[in-house]
mmCIF file of all heavy atoms, coordinates in Angstrom:
data_MODEL
# 
_entry.id   MODEL 
# 
loop_
_atom_site.group_PDB 
_atom_site.id 
_atom_site.type_symbol 
_atom_site.label_atom_id 
_atom_site.label_alt_id 
_atom_site.label_comp_id 
_atom_site.label_asym_id 
_atom_site.label_entity_id 
_atom_site.label_seq_id 
_atom_site.pdbx_PDB_ins_code 
_atom_site.Cartn_x 
_atom_site.Cartn_y 
_atom_site.Cartn_z 
_atom_site.occupancy 
_atom_site.B_iso_or_equiv 
_atom_site.pdbx_formal_charge 
_atom_site.auth_seq_id 
_atom_site.auth_comp_id 
_atom_site.auth_asym_id 
_atom_site.auth_atom_id 
_atom_site.pdbx_PDB_model_num 
ATOM 1   N N   . GLU A 1 1  ? 101.517 84.012  82.334  1.00 0.00 ? 1  GLU A N   1 
ATOM 2   C CA  . GLU A 1 1  ? 101.529 85.351  81.732  1.00 0.00 ? 1  GLU A CA  1 
ATOM 3   C C   . GLU A 1 1  ? 100.553 86.275  82.456  1.00 0.00 ? 1  GLU A C   1 
ATOM 4   O O   . GLU A 1 1  ? 100.866 87.425  82.752  1.00 0.00 ? 1  GLU A O   1 
ATOM 5   C CB  . GLU A 1 1  ? 101.185 85.269  80.239  1.00 0.00 ? 1  GLU A CB  1 
ATOM 6   C CG  . GLU A 1 1  ? 101.099 86.606  79.542  1.00 0.00 ? 1  GLU A CG  1 
ATOM 7   C CD  . GLU A 1 1  ? 102.398 87.391  79.534  1.00 0.00 ? 1  GLU A CD  1 
ATOM 8   O OE1 . GLU A 1 1  ? 103.476 86.800  79.743  1.00 0.00 ? 1  GLU A OE1 1 
ATOM 9   O OE2 . GLU A 1 1  ? 102.339 88.617  79.324  1.00 0.00 ? 1  GLU A OE2 1 
ATOM 10  N N   . THR A 1 2  ? 99.384  85.751  82.777  1.00 0.00 ? 2  THR A N   1 
ATOM 11  C CA  . THR A 1 2  ? 98.394  86.544  83.519  1.00 0.00 ? 2  THR A CA  1 
ATOM 12  C C   . THR A 1 2  ? 98.949  86.927  84.890  1.00 0.00 ? 2  THR A C   1 
ATOM 13  O O   . THR A 1 2  ? 98.822  88.077  85.322  1.00 0.00 ? 2  THR A O   1 
ATOM 14  C CB  . THR A 1 2  ? 97.087  85.736  83.677  1.00 0.00 ? 2  THR A CB  1 
ATOM 15  O OG1 . THR A 1 2  ? 96.584  85.431  82.378  1.00 0.00 ? 2  THR A OG1 1 
ATOM 16  C CG2 . THR A 1 2  ? 96.046  86.508  84.462  1.00 0.00 ? 2  THR A CG2 1 
ATOM 17  N N   . THR A 1 3  ? 99.596  85.976  85.548  1.00 0.00 ? 3  THR A N   1 
ATOM 18  C CA  . THR A 1 3  ? 100.188 86.237  86.861  1.00 0.00 ? 3  THR A CA  1 
ATOM 19  C C   . THR A 1 3  ? 101.296 87.280  86.751  1.00 0.00 ? 3  THR A C   1 
ATOM 20  O O   . THR A 1 3  ? 101.399 88.186  87.586  1.00 0.00 ? 3  THR A O   1 
ATOM 21  C CB  . THR A 1 3  ? 100.733 84.929  87.463  1.00 0.00 ? 3  THR A CB  1 
ATOM 22  O OG1 . THR A 1 3  ? 99.662  83.996  87.583  1.00 0.00 ? 3  THR A OG1 1 
ATOM 23  C CG2 . THR A 1 3  ? 101.355 85.160  88.821  1.00 0.00 ? 3  THR A CG2 1 
ATOM 24  N N   . ARG A 1 4  ? 102.119 87.181  85.705  1.00 0.00 ? 4  ARG A N   1 
ATOM 25  C CA  . ARG A 1 4  ? 103.197 88.151  85.503  1.00 0.00 ? 4  ARG A CA  1 
ATOM 26  C C   . ARG A 1 4  ? 102.633 89.551  85.299  1.00 0.00 ? 4  ARG A C   1 
ATOM 27  O O   . ARG A 1 4  ? 103.107 90.525  85.891  1.00 0.00 ? 4  ARG A O   1 
ATOM 28  C CB  . ARG A 1 4  ? 104.045 87.740  84.290  1.00 0.00 ? 4  ARG A CB  1 
ATOM 29  C CG  . ARG A 1 4  ? 105.263 88.630  84.061  1.00 0.00 ? 4  ARG A CG  1 
ATOM 30  C CD  . ARG A 1 4  ? 105.911 88.357  82.711  1.00 0.00 ? 4  ARG A CD  1 
ATOM 31  N NE  . ARG A 1 4  ? 105.058 88.748  81.600  1.00 0.00 ? 4  ARG A NE  1 
ATOM 32  C CZ  . ARG A 1 4  ? 104.882 89.999  81.179  1.00 0.00 ? 4  ARG A CZ  1 
ATOM 33  N NH1 . ARG A 1 4  ? 105.459 91.004  81.806  1.00 0.00 ? 4  ARG A NH1 1 
ATOM 34  N NH2 . ARG A 1 4  ? 104.104 90.259  80.144  1.00 0.00 ? 4  ARG A NH2 1 
ATOM 35  N N   . GLN A 1 5  ? 101.583 89.653  84.480  1.00 0.00 ? 5  GLN A N   1 
ATOM 36  C CA  . GLN A 1 5  ? 100.969 90.960  84.232  1.00 0.00 ? 5  GLN A CA  1 
ATOM 37  C C   . GLN A 1 5  ? 100.364 91.529  85.511  1.00 0.00 ? 5  GLN A C   1 
ATOM 38  O O   . GLN A 1 5  ? 100.492 92.729  85.785  1.00 0.00 ? 5  GLN A O   1 
ATOM 39  C CB  . GLN A 1 5  ? 99.906  90.847  83.145  1.00 0.00 ? 5  GLN A CB  1 
ATOM 40  C CG  . GLN A 1 5  ? 100.475 90.598  81.773  1.00 0.00 ? 5  GLN A CG  1 
ATOM 41  C CD  . GLN A 1 5  ? 99.401  90.370  80.727  1.00 0.00 ? 5  GLN A CD  1 
ATOM 42  O OE1 . GLN A 1 5  ? 98.211  90.350  81.026  1.00 0.00 ? 5  GLN A OE1 1 
ATOM 43  N NE2 . GLN A 1 5  ? 99.811  90.186  79.479  1.00 0.00 ? 5  GLN A NE2 1 
ATOM 44  N N   . LEU A 1 6  ? 99.719  90.685  86.290  1.00 0.00 ? 6  LEU A N   1 
ATOM 45  C CA  . LEU A 1 6  ? 99.154  91.129  87.562  1.00 0.00 ? 6  LEU A CA  1 
ATOM 46  C C   . LEU A 1 6  ? 100.261 91.608  88.498  1.00 0.00 ? 6  LEU A C   1 
ATOM 47  O O   . LEU A 1 6  ? 100.129 92.649  89.148  1.00 0.00 ? 6  LEU A O   1 
ATOM 48  C CB  . LEU A 1 6  ? 98.361  90.000  88.215  1.00 0.00 ? 6  LEU A CB  1 
ATOM 49  C CG  . LEU A 1 6  ? 97.768  90.292  89.592  1.00 0.00 ? 6  LEU A CG  1 
ATOM 50  C CD1 . LEU A 1 6  ? 96.788  91.460  89.517  1.00 0.00 ? 6  LEU A CD1 1 
ATOM 51  C CD2 . LEU A 1 6  ? 97.072  89.066  90.144  1.00 0.00 ? 6  LEU A CD2 1 
ATOM 52  N N   . GLY A 1 7  ? 101.350 90.873  88.542  1.00 0.00 ? 7  GLY A N   1 
ATOM 53  C CA  . GLY A 1 7  ? 102.489 91.282  89.370  1.00 0.00 ? 7  GLY A CA  1 
ATOM 54  C C   . GLY A 1 7  ? 103.029 92.633  88.947  1.00 0.00 ? 7  GLY A C   1 
ATOM 55  O O   . GLY A 1 7  ? 103.338 93.489  89.792  1.00 0.00 ? 7  GLY A O   1 
ATOM 56  N N   . ASN A 1 8  ? 103.137 92.848  87.639  1.00 0.00 ? 8  ASN A N   1 
ATOM 57  C CA  . ASN A 1 8  ? 103.622 94.142  87.140  1.00 0.00 ? 8  ASN A CA  1 
ATOM 58  C C   . ASN A 1 8  ? 102.682 95.273  87.537  1.00 0.00 ? 8  ASN A C   1 
ATOM 59  O O   . ASN A 1 8  ? 103.134 96.351  87.932  1.00 0.00 ? 8  ASN A O   1 
ATOM 60  C CB  . ASN A 1 8  ? 103.779 94.108  85.618  1.00 0.00 ? 8  ASN A CB  1 
ATOM 61  C CG  . ASN A 1 8  ? 104.985 93.311  85.179  1.00 0.00 ? 8  ASN A CG  1 
ATOM 62  O OD1 . ASN A 1 8  ? 105.881 93.047  85.962  1.00 0.00 ? 8  ASN A OD1 1 
ATOM 63  N ND2 . ASN A 1 8  ? 105.005 92.916  83.925  1.00 0.00 ? 8  ASN A ND2 1 
ATOM 64  N N   . ARG A 1 9  ? 101.377 95.021  87.432  1.00 0.00 ? 9  ARG A N   1 
ATOM 65  C CA  . ARG A 1 9  ? 100.409 96.065  87.832  1.00 0.00 ? 9  ARG A CA  1 
ATOM 66  C C   . ARG A 1 9  ? 100.509 96.350  89.326  1.00 0.00 ? 9  ARG A C   1 
ATOM 67  O O   . ARG A 1 9  ? 100.391 97.506  89.752  1.00 0.00 ? 9  ARG A O   1 
ATOM 68  C CB  . ARG A 1 9  ? 98.994  95.647  87.446  1.00 0.00 ? 9  ARG A CB  1 
ATOM 69  C CG  . ARG A 1 9  ? 98.729  95.759  85.957  1.00 0.00 ? 9  ARG A CG  1 
ATOM 70  C CD  . ARG A 1 9  ? 97.253  95.698  85.615  1.00 0.00 ? 9  ARG A CD  1 
ATOM 71  N NE  . ARG A 1 9  ? 96.608  94.477  86.026  1.00 0.00 ? 9  ARG A NE  1 
ATOM 72  C CZ  . ARG A 1 9  ? 96.500  93.372  85.280  1.00 0.00 ? 9  ARG A CZ  1 
ATOM 73  N NH1 . ARG A 1 9  ? 97.008  93.333  84.074  1.00 0.00 ? 9  ARG A NH1 1 
ATOM 74  N NH2 . ARG A 1 9  ? 95.871  92.310  85.744  1.00 0.00 ? 9  ARG A NH2 1 
ATOM 75  N N   . MET A 1 10 ? 100.729 95.306  90.104  1.00 0.00 ? 10 MET A N   1 
ATOM 76  C CA  . MET A 1 10 ? 100.863 95.510  91.556  1.00 0.00 ? 10 MET A CA  1 
ATOM 77  C C   . MET A 1 10 ? 102.108 96.329  91.874  1.00 0.00 ? 10 MET A C   1 
ATOM 78  O O   . MET A 1 10 ? 102.073 97.235  92.717  1.00 0.00 ? 10 MET A O   1 
ATOM 79  C CB  . MET A 1 10 ? 100.902 94.161  92.282  1.00 0.00 ? 10 MET A CB  1 
ATOM 80  C CG  . MET A 1 10 ? 99.564  93.450  92.283  1.00 0.00 ? 10 MET A CG  1 
ATOM 81  S SD  . MET A 1 10 ? 99.629  91.818  93.041  1.00 0.00 ? 10 MET A SD  1 
ATOM 82  C CE  . MET A 1 10 ? 99.998  92.241  94.723  1.00 0.00 ? 10 MET A CE  1 
ATOM 83  N N   . VAL A 1 11 ? 103.214 96.039  91.205  1.00 0.00 ? 11 VAL A N   1 
ATOM 84  C CA  . VAL A 1 11 ? 104.448 96.801  91.424  1.00 0.00 ? 11 VAL A CA  1 
ATOM 85  C C   . VAL A 1 11 ? 104.233 98.268  91.055  1.00 0.00 ? 11 VAL A C   1 
ATOM 86  O O   . VAL A 1 11 ? 104.655 99.170  91.787  1.00 0.00 ? 11 VAL A O   1 
ATOM 87  C CB  . VAL A 1 11 ? 105.616 96.184  90.619  1.00 0.00 ? 11 VAL A CB  1 
ATOM 88  C CG1 . VAL A 1 11 ? 106.810 97.129  90.556  1.00 0.00 ? 11 VAL A CG1 1 
ATOM 89  C CG2 . VAL A 1 11 ? 106.019 94.839  91.207  1.00 0.00 ? 11 VAL A CG2 1 
ATOM 90  N N   . GLU A 1 12 ? 103.567 98.509  89.933  1.00 0.00 ? 12 GLU A N   1 
ATOM 91  C CA  . GLU A 1 12 ? 103.290 99.888  89.527  1.00 0.00 ? 12 GLU A CA  1 
ATOM 92  C C   . GLU A 1 12 ? 102.420 100.599 90.553  1.00 0.00 ? 12 GLU A C   1 
ATOM 93  O O   . GLU A 1 12 ? 102.670 101.771 90.886  1.00 0.00 ? 12 GLU A O   1 
ATOM 94  C CB  . GLU A 1 12 ? 102.607 99.906  88.155  1.00 0.00 ? 12 GLU A CB  1 
ATOM 95  C CG  . GLU A 1 12 ? 103.520 99.489  87.020  1.00 0.00 ? 12 GLU A CG  1 
ATOM 96  C CD  . GLU A 1 12 ? 102.775 99.265  85.719  1.00 0.00 ? 12 GLU A CD  1 
ATOM 97  O OE1 . GLU A 1 12 ? 101.538 99.439  85.675  1.00 0.00 ? 12 GLU A OE1 1 
ATOM 98  O OE2 . GLU A 1 12 ? 103.444 98.915  84.726  1.00 0.00 ? 12 GLU A OE2 1 
ATOM 99  N N   . ALA A 1 13 ? 101.419 99.903  91.080  1.00 0.00 ? 13 ALA A N   1 
ATOM 100 C CA  . ALA A 1 13 ? 100.536 100.517 92.074  1.00 0.00 ? 13 ALA A CA  1 
ATOM 101 C C   . ALA A 1 13 ? 101.305 100.835 93.353  1.00 0.00 ? 13 ALA A C   1 
ATOM 102 O O   . ALA A 1 13 ? 101.130 101.915 93.945  1.00 0.00 ? 13 ALA A O   1 
ATOM 103 C CB  . ALA A 1 13 ? 99.356  99.592  92.374  1.00 0.00 ? 13 ALA A CB  1 
ATOM 104 N N   . VAL A 1 14 ? 102.163 99.931  93.777  1.00 0.00 ? 14 VAL A N   1 
ATOM 105 C CA  . VAL A 1 14 ? 102.952 100.168 94.989  1.00 0.00 ? 14 VAL A CA  1 
ATOM 106 C C   . VAL A 1 14 ? 103.915 101.329 94.764  1.00 0.00 ? 14 VAL A C   1 
ATOM 107 O O   . VAL A 1 14 ? 104.093 102.180 95.652  1.00 0.00 ? 14 VAL A O   1 
ATOM 108 C CB  . VAL A 1 14 ? 103.705 98.882  95.412  1.00 0.00 ? 14 VAL A CB  1 
ATOM 109 C CG1 . VAL A 1 14 ? 104.733 99.170  96.487  1.00 0.00 ? 14 VAL A CG1 1 
ATOM 110 C CG2 . VAL A 1 14 ? 102.715 97.831  95.902  1.00 0.00 ? 14 VAL A CG2 1 
ATOM 111 N N   . ASN A 1 15 ? 104.510 101.390 93.586  1.00 0.00 ? 15 ASN A N   1 
ATOM 112 C CA  . ASN A 1 15 ? 105.411 102.514 93.289  1.00 0.00 ? 15 ASN A CA  1 
ATOM 113 C C   . ASN A 1 15 ? 104.670 103.847 93.321  1.00 0.00 ? 15 ASN A C   1 
ATOM 114 O O   . ASN A 1 15 ? 105.190 104.842 93.846  1.00 0.00 ? 15 ASN A O   1 
ATOM 115 C CB  . ASN A 1 15 ? 106.090 102.317 91.928  1.00 0.00 ? 15 ASN A CB  1 
ATOM 116 C CG  . ASN A 1 15 ? 107.184 101.271 91.973  1.00 0.00 ? 15 ASN A CG  1 
ATOM 117 O OD1 . ASN A 1 15 ? 107.727 100.966 93.031  1.00 0.00 ? 15 ASN A OD1 1 
ATOM 118 N ND2 . ASN A 1 15 ? 107.504 100.703 90.825  1.00 0.00 ? 15 ASN A ND2 1 
ATOM 119 N N   . ARG A 1 16 ? 103.441 103.875 92.785  1.00 0.00 ? 16 ARG A N   1 
ATOM 120 C CA  . ARG A 1 16 ? 102.648 105.114 92.851  1.00 0.00 ? 16 ARG A CA  1 
ATOM 121 C C   . ARG A 1 16 ? 102.340 105.464 94.310  1.00 0.00 ? 16 ARG A C   1 
ATOM 122 O O   . ARG A 1 16 ? 102.392 106.630 94.696  1.00 0.00 ? 16 ARG A O   1 
ATOM 123 C CB  . ARG A 1 16 ? 101.352 104.967 92.053  1.00 0.00 ? 16 ARG A CB  1 
ATOM 124 C CG  . ARG A 1 16 ? 101.546 105.086 90.555  1.00 0.00 ? 16 ARG A CG  1 
ATOM 125 C CD  . ARG A 1 16 ? 100.225 105.241 89.810  1.00 0.00 ? 16 ARG A CD  1 
ATOM 126 N NE  . ARG A 1 16 ? 99.283  104.152 90.058  1.00 0.00 ? 16 ARG A NE  1 
ATOM 127 C CZ  . ARG A 1 16 ? 99.251  103.010 89.376  1.00 0.00 ? 16 ARG A CZ  1 
ATOM 128 N NH1 . ARG A 1 16 ? 100.100 102.792 88.387  1.00 0.00 ? 16 ARG A NH1 1 
ATOM 129 N NH2 . ARG A 1 16 ? 98.351  102.083 89.664  1.00 0.00 ? 16 ARG A NH2 1 
ATOM 130 N N   . LEU A 1 17 ? 102.017 104.450 95.099  1.00 0.00 ? 17 LEU A N   1 
ATOM 131 C CA  . LEU A 1 17 ? 101.732 104.679 96.522  1.00 0.00 ? 17 LEU A CA  1 
ATOM 132 C C   . LEU A 1 17 ? 102.955 105.244 97.234  1.00 0.00 ? 17 LEU A C   1 
ATOM 133 O O   . LEU A 1 17 ? 102.839 106.180 98.039  1.00 0.00 ? 17 LEU A O   1 
ATOM 134 C CB  . LEU A 1 17 ? 101.279 103.378 97.183  1.00 0.00 ? 17 LEU A CB  1 
ATOM 135 C CG  . LEU A 1 17 ? 100.982 103.440 98.680  1.00 0.00 ? 17 LEU A CG  1 
ATOM 136 C CD1 . LEU A 1 17 ? 99.834  104.404 98.954  1.00 0.00 ? 17 LEU A CD1 1 
ATOM 137 C CD2 . LEU A 1 17 ? 100.659 102.061 99.216  1.00 0.00 ? 17 LEU A CD2 1 
ATOM 138 N N   . VAL A 1 18 ? 104.124 104.717 96.940  1.00 0.00 ? 18 VAL A N   1 
ATOM 139 C CA  . VAL A 1 18 ? 105.365 105.222 97.548  1.00 0.00 ? 18 VAL A CA  1 
ATOM 140 C C   . VAL A 1 18 ? 105.581 106.677 97.153  1.00 0.00 ? 18 VAL A C   1 
ATOM 141 O O   . VAL A 1 18 ? 105.909 107.517 98.005  1.00 0.00 ? 18 VAL A O   1 
ATOM 142 C CB  . VAL A 1 18 ? 106.569 104.345 97.128  1.00 0.00 ? 18 VAL A CB  1 
ATOM 143 C CG1 . VAL A 1 18 ? 107.891 105.021 97.471  1.00 0.00 ? 18 VAL A CG1 1 
ATOM 144 C CG2 . VAL A 1 18 ? 106.481 102.971 97.780  1.00 0.00 ? 18 VAL A CG2 1 
ATOM 145 N N   . ASP A 1 19 ? 105.380 106.980 95.873  1.00 0.00 ? 19 ASP A N   1 
ATOM 146 C CA  . ASP A 1 19 ? 105.552 108.365 95.413  1.00 0.00 ? 19 ASP A CA  1 
ATOM 147 C C   . ASP A 1 19 ? 104.571 109.306 96.108  1.00 0.00 ? 19 ASP A C   1 
ATOM 148 O O   . ASP A 1 19 ? 104.957 110.391 96.574  1.00 0.00 ? 19 ASP A O   1 
ATOM 149 C CB  . ASP A 1 19 ? 105.360 108.465 93.896  1.00 0.00 ? 19 ASP A CB  1 
ATOM 150 C CG  . ASP A 1 19 ? 106.481 107.795 93.115  1.00 0.00 ? 19 ASP A CG  1 
ATOM 151 O OD1 . ASP A 1 19 ? 107.560 107.543 93.697  1.00 0.00 ? 19 ASP A OD1 1 
ATOM 152 O OD2 . ASP A 1 19 ? 106.263 107.515 91.919  1.00 0.00 ? 19 ASP A OD2 1 
ATOM 153 N N   . GLU A 1 20 ? 103.324 108.896 96.182  1.00 0.00 ? 20 GLU A N   1 
ATOM 154 C CA  . GLU A 1 20 ? 102.313 109.742 96.825  1.00 0.00 ? 20 GLU A CA  1 
ATOM 155 C C   . GLU A 1 20 ? 102.600 109.908 98.313  1.00 0.00 ? 20 GLU A C   1 
ATOM 156 O O   . GLU A 1 20 ? 102.419 111.004 98.872  1.00 0.00 ? 20 GLU A O   1 
ATOM 157 C CB  . GLU A 1 20 ? 100.924 109.159 96.600  1.00 0.00 ? 20 GLU A CB  1 
ATOM 158 C CG  . GLU A 1 20 ? 100.470 109.273 95.154  1.00 0.00 ? 20 GLU A CG  1 
ATOM 159 C CD  . GLU A 1 20 ? 99.130  108.608 94.897  1.00 0.00 ? 20 GLU A CD  1 
ATOM 160 O OE1 . GLU A 1 20 ? 98.404  108.319 95.872  1.00 0.00 ? 20 GLU A OE1 1 
ATOM 161 O OE2 . GLU A 1 20 ? 98.808  108.392 93.720  1.00 0.00 ? 20 GLU A OE2 1 
ATOM 162 N N   . THR A 1 21 ? 103.055 108.849 98.960  1.00 0.00 ? 21 THR A N   1 
ATOM 163 C CA  . THR A 1 21 ? 103.393 108.935 100.382 1.00 0.00 ? 21 THR A CA  1 
ATOM 164 C C   . THR A 1 21 ? 104.556 109.887 100.590 1.00 0.00 ? 21 THR A C   1 
ATOM 165 O O   . THR A 1 21 ? 104.556 110.692 101.535 1.00 0.00 ? 21 THR A O   1 
ATOM 166 C CB  . THR A 1 21 ? 103.729 107.534 100.940 1.00 0.00 ? 21 THR A CB  1 
ATOM 167 O OG1 . THR A 1 21 ? 102.613 106.675 100.743 1.00 0.00 ? 21 THR A OG1 1 
ATOM 168 C CG2 . THR A 1 21 ? 104.060 107.591 102.419 1.00 0.00 ? 21 THR A CG2 1 
ATOM 169 N N   . SER A 1 22 ? 105.549 109.822 99.714  1.00 0.00 ? 22 SER A N   1 
ATOM 170 C CA  . SER A 1 22 ? 106.688 110.749 99.806  1.00 0.00 ? 22 SER A CA  1 
ATOM 171 C C   . SER A 1 22 ? 106.231 112.194 99.641  1.00 0.00 ? 22 SER A C   1 
ATOM 172 O O   . SER A 1 22 ? 106.673 113.083 100.373 1.00 0.00 ? 22 SER A O   1 
ATOM 173 C CB  . SER A 1 22 ? 107.733 110.417 98.736  1.00 0.00 ? 22 SER A CB  1 
ATOM 174 O OG  . SER A 1 22 ? 108.287 109.156 98.980  1.00 0.00 ? 22 SER A OG  1 
ATOM 175 N N   . ASP A 1 23 ? 105.336 112.418 98.673  1.00 0.00 ? 23 ASP A N   1 
ATOM 176 C CA  . ASP A 1 23 ? 104.797 113.765 98.474  1.00 0.00 ? 23 ASP A CA  1 
ATOM 177 C C   . ASP A 1 23 ? 104.068 114.253 99.721  1.00 0.00 ? 23 ASP A C   1 
ATOM 178 O O   . ASP A 1 23 ? 104.246 115.402 100.149 1.00 0.00 ? 23 ASP A O   1 
ATOM 179 C CB  . ASP A 1 23 ? 103.840 113.802 97.280  1.00 0.00 ? 23 ASP A CB  1 
ATOM 180 C CG  . ASP A 1 23 ? 104.545 113.591 95.946  1.00 0.00 ? 23 ASP A CG  1 
ATOM 181 O OD1 . ASP A 1 23 ? 105.787 113.692 95.898  1.00 0.00 ? 23 ASP A OD1 1 
ATOM 182 O OD2 . ASP A 1 23 ? 103.837 113.301 94.951  1.00 0.00 ? 23 ASP A OD2 1 
ATOM 183 N N   . LEU A 1 24 ? 103.251 113.396 100.300 1.00 0.00 ? 24 LEU A N   1 
ATOM 184 C CA  . LEU A 1 24 ? 102.514 113.769 101.512 1.00 0.00 ? 24 LEU A CA  1 
ATOM 185 C C   . LEU A 1 24 ? 103.457 114.067 102.671 1.00 0.00 ? 24 LEU A C   1 
ATOM 186 O O   . LEU A 1 24 ? 103.245 115.026 103.429 1.00 0.00 ? 24 LEU A O   1 
ATOM 187 C CB  . LEU A 1 24 ? 101.518 112.675 101.900 1.00 0.00 ? 24 LEU A CB  1 
ATOM 188 C CG  . LEU A 1 24 ? 100.304 112.540 100.992 1.00 0.00 ? 24 LEU A CG  1 
ATOM 189 C CD1 . LEU A 1 24 ? 99.512  111.298 101.377 1.00 0.00 ? 24 LEU A CD1 1 
ATOM 190 C CD2 . LEU A 1 24 ? 99.436  113.776 101.076 1.00 0.00 ? 24 LEU A CD2 1 
ATOM 191 N N   . ARG A 1 25 ? 104.502 113.281 102.808 1.00 0.00 ? 25 ARG A N   1 
ATOM 192 C CA  . ARG A 1 25 ? 105.461 113.520 103.900 1.00 0.00 ? 25 ARG A CA  1 
ATOM 193 C C   . ARG A 1 25 ? 106.146 114.866 103.722 1.00 0.00 ? 25 ARG A C   1 
ATOM 194 O O   . ARG A 1 25 ? 106.353 115.604 104.689 1.00 0.00 ? 25 ARG A O   1 
ATOM 195 C CB  . ARG A 1 25 ? 106.502 112.403 103.948 1.00 0.00 ? 25 ARG A CB  1 
ATOM 196 C CG  . ARG A 1 25 ? 105.918 111.077 104.400 1.00 0.00 ? 25 ARG A CG  1 
ATOM 197 C CD  . ARG A 1 25 ? 106.962 110.020 104.456 1.00 0.00 ? 25 ARG A CD  1 
ATOM 198 N NE  . ARG A 1 25 ? 107.681 110.194 105.710 1.00 0.00 ? 25 ARG A NE  1 
ATOM 199 C CZ  . ARG A 1 25 ? 108.712 109.460 106.069 1.00 0.00 ? 25 ARG A CZ  1 
ATOM 200 N NH1 . ARG A 1 25 ? 109.180 108.537 105.273 1.00 0.00 ? 25 ARG A NH1 1 
ATOM 201 N NH2 . ARG A 1 25 ? 109.302 109.663 107.219 1.00 0.00 ? 25 ARG A NH2 1 
ATOM 202 N N   . ARG A 1 26 ? 106.495 115.179 102.465 1.00 0.00 ? 26 ARG A N   1 
ATOM 203 C CA  . ARG A 1 26 ? 107.106 116.489 102.203 1.00 0.00 ? 26 ARG A CA  1 
ATOM 204 C C   . ARG A 1 26 ? 106.151 117.622 102.557 1.00 0.00 ? 26 ARG A C   1 
ATOM 205 O O   . ARG A 1 26 ? 106.532 118.612 103.181 1.00 0.00 ? 26 ARG A O   1 
ATOM 206 C CB  . ARG A 1 26 ? 107.516 116.592 100.726 1.00 0.00 ? 26 ARG A CB  1 
ATOM 207 C CG  . ARG A 1 26 ? 108.972 116.320 100.463 1.00 0.00 ? 26 ARG A CG  1 
ATOM 208 C CD  . ARG A 1 26 ? 109.383 116.704 99.050  1.00 0.00 ? 26 ARG A CD  1 
ATOM 209 N NE  . ARG A 1 26 ? 108.598 116.077 98.005  1.00 0.00 ? 26 ARG A NE  1 
ATOM 210 C CZ  . ARG A 1 26 ? 108.771 114.818 97.576  1.00 0.00 ? 26 ARG A CZ  1 
ATOM 211 N NH1 . ARG A 1 26 ? 109.694 114.072 98.129  1.00 0.00 ? 26 ARG A NH1 1 
ATOM 212 N NH2 . ARG A 1 26 ? 108.027 114.334 96.615  1.00 0.00 ? 26 ARG A NH2 1 
ATOM 213 N N   . GLU A 1 27 ? 104.894 117.462 102.141 1.00 0.00 ? 27 GLU A N   1 
ATOM 214 C CA  . GLU A 1 27 ? 103.901 118.498 102.426 1.00 0.00 ? 27 GLU A CA  1 
ATOM 215 C C   . GLU A 1 27 ? 103.685 118.660 103.923 1.00 0.00 ? 27 GLU A C   1 
ATOM 216 O O   . GLU A 1 27 ? 103.590 119.788 104.422 1.00 0.00 ? 27 GLU A O   1 
ATOM 217 C CB  . GLU A 1 27 ? 102.585 118.168 101.727 1.00 0.00 ? 27 GLU A CB  1 
ATOM 218 C CG  . GLU A 1 27 ? 102.644 118.316 100.218 1.00 0.00 ? 27 GLU A CG  1 
ATOM 219 C CD  . GLU A 1 27 ? 101.349 117.911 99.540  1.00 0.00 ? 27 GLU A CD  1 
ATOM 220 O OE1 . GLU A 1 27 ? 100.299 117.888 100.206 1.00 0.00 ? 27 GLU A OE1 1 
ATOM 221 O OE2 . GLU A 1 27 ? 101.404 117.625 98.325  1.00 0.00 ? 27 GLU A OE2 1 
ATOM 222 N N   . VAL A 1 28 ? 103.621 117.559 104.649 1.00 0.00 ? 28 VAL A N   1 
ATOM 223 C CA  . VAL A 1 28 ? 103.454 117.638 106.106 1.00 0.00 ? 28 VAL A CA  1 
ATOM 224 C C   . VAL A 1 28 ? 104.678 118.307 106.732 1.00 0.00 ? 28 VAL A C   1 
ATOM 225 O O   . VAL A 1 28 ? 104.547 119.146 107.639 1.00 0.00 ? 28 VAL A O   1 
ATOM 226 C CB  . VAL A 1 28 ? 103.215 116.225 106.712 1.00 0.00 ? 28 VAL A CB  1 
ATOM 227 C CG1 . VAL A 1 28 ? 103.356 116.243 108.224 1.00 0.00 ? 28 VAL A CG1 1 
ATOM 228 C CG2 . VAL A 1 28 ? 101.855 115.701 106.302 1.00 0.00 ? 28 VAL A CG2 1 
# 
C-alpha cells in the first residue's frame, strides 16, 4: 500500500512536470 501510494504521488509529480514543460514550450 505504501509503495502504491508512492507510485501515485510520483505519477502526479510527473504529470505536473509534463504540464509545466508544455506551458514553458508554448511560452518560448
